[in-house]
Amino acid sequence: MRFERRLDDPHGDVPGSARVRQRNIDYNTQLAEACGFFARCRFDGNAVFNTAFVRSDITTRDYFHPSTAGQAKLATVTWGAAAAFVAG
């Protein structure tokens, strides 16, 4: 699915964004369910998906991918979720 962001529309492609968000929710639901069948499989409980981004967490190069700060935030969340796997 491709996003088309019109320069005159500060809200972007709202219907497209909603479809992609729902697709990710559906995918994560299936991933969590499938992971439950394997003893060594770990699911982060949607920790990364639920990470809130601010404007500085997104690169200005394409306004889609995480910036260095956004990547650091995701790494911290992922590391925390991985530590829970070891502790659990």
Protein backbone atom coordinates (compact mmCIF):
# COMPACT_ATOMS: atom_id res chain seq x y z
CA MET A 1 0.00 0.00 0.00
CA ARG A 2 1.39 3.38 -0.94
CA PHE A 3 0.71 6.61 0.87
CA GLU A 4 0.10 9.74 -1.12
CA ARG A 5 0.68 12.81 0.99
CA ARG A 6 -0.46 15.97 -0.70
CA LEU A 7 1.60 18.97 0.25
CA ASP A 8 -1.56 21.04 0.73
CA ASP A 9 -3.07 18.47 3.12
CA PRO A 10 -1.37 18.58 6.55
CA HIS A 11 -3.35 15.54 7.69
CA GLY A 12 -2.02 13.23 5.00
CA ASP A 13 -3.88 10.15 3.83
CA VAL A 14 -6.16 9.51 6.83
CA PRO A 15 -8.16 6.61 5.28
CA GLY A 16 -4.95 4.98 4.05
CA SER A 17 -3.31 5.41 7.43
CA ALA A 18 -6.30 3.83 9.16
CA ARG A 19 -6.13 0.82 6.82
CA VAL A 20 -2.43 0.34 7.44
CA ARG A 21 -2.92 0.69 11.20
CA GLN A 22 -5.66 -1.95 11.16
CA ARG A 23 -3.52 -4.24 9.03
CA ASN A 24 -0.74 -3.95 11.61
CA ILE A 25 -3.15 -4.68 14.46
CA ASP A 26 -4.44 -7.76 12.62
CA TYR A 27 -0.89 -8.91 11.87
CA ASN A 28 0.21 -8.46 15.49
CA THR A 29 -2.84 -10.40 16.70
CA GLN A 30 -1.94 -13.31 14.44
CA LEU A 31 1.72 -13.08 15.45
CA ALA A 32 0.87 -13.23 19.15
CA GLU A 33 -1.48 -16.17 18.58
CA ALA A 34 1.05 -18.12 16.51
CA CYS A 35 3.80 -17.40 19.01
CA GLY A 36 1.70 -19.01 21.73
CA PHE A 37 2.19 -22.39 20.05
CA PHE A 38 5.96 -22.40 20.55
CA ALA A 39 7.69 -22.59 23.93
CA ARG A 40 10.65 -20.42 22.91
CA CYS A 41 8.69 -17.82 20.93
CA ARG A 42 8.34 -14.44 22.58
CA PHE A 43 5.98 -11.64 21.65
CA ASP A 44 6.55 -8.11 22.94
CA GLY A 45 2.89 -7.59 23.86
CA ASN A 46 2.68 -4.80 21.28
CA ALA A 47 5.36 -2.76 23.10
CA VAL A 48 6.92 -1.52 19.85
CA PHE A 49 3.56 -1.00 18.13
CA ASN A 50 2.30 1.05 21.08
CA THR A 51 5.37 3.29 21.19
CA ALA A 52 4.26 6.90 20.85
CA PHE A 53 6.28 8.98 18.42
CA VAL A 54 6.72 12.73 18.44
CA ARG A 55 7.68 14.78 15.39
CA SER A 56 11.43 14.55 16.16
CA ASP A 57 11.20 10.73 16.12
CA ILE A 58 10.49 10.79 12.36
CA THR A 59 13.13 11.71 9.81
CA THR A 60 12.58 14.79 7.68
CA ARG A 61 14.15 12.97 4.75
CA ASP A 62 10.95 11.10 3.88
CA TYR A 63 8.62 11.82 6.84
CA PHE A 64 8.05 8.09 7.24
CA HIS A 65 11.07 6.32 8.73
CA PRO A 66 12.36 6.81 12.28
CA SER A 67 15.02 9.45 12.82
CA THR A 68 18.10 8.66 14.90
CA ALA A 69 16.10 9.66 17.98
CA GLY A 70 13.18 7.48 16.88
CA GLN A 71 15.48 4.53 16.30
CA ALA A 72 16.97 5.01 19.76
CA LYS A 73 13.47 5.10 21.26
CA LEU A 74 12.49 1.87 19.47
CA ALA A 75 15.75 0.21 20.55
CA THR A 76 15.05 1.12 24.18
CA VAL A 77 11.51 -0.29 23.98
CA THR A 78 12.73 -3.45 22.24
CA TRP A 79 15.52 -3.92 24.77
CA GLY A 80 13.03 -3.56 27.64
CA ALA A 81 10.71 -6.13 26.08
CA ALA A 82 13.65 -8.51 25.51
CA ALA A 83 14.70 -8.15 29.15
CA ALA A 84 11.19 -9.22 30.16
CA PHE A 85 11.65 -12.35 28.03
CA VAL A 86 14.80 -13.29 29.95
CA ALA A 87 13.23 -12.52 33.33
CA GLY A 88 10.05 -14.42 32.48
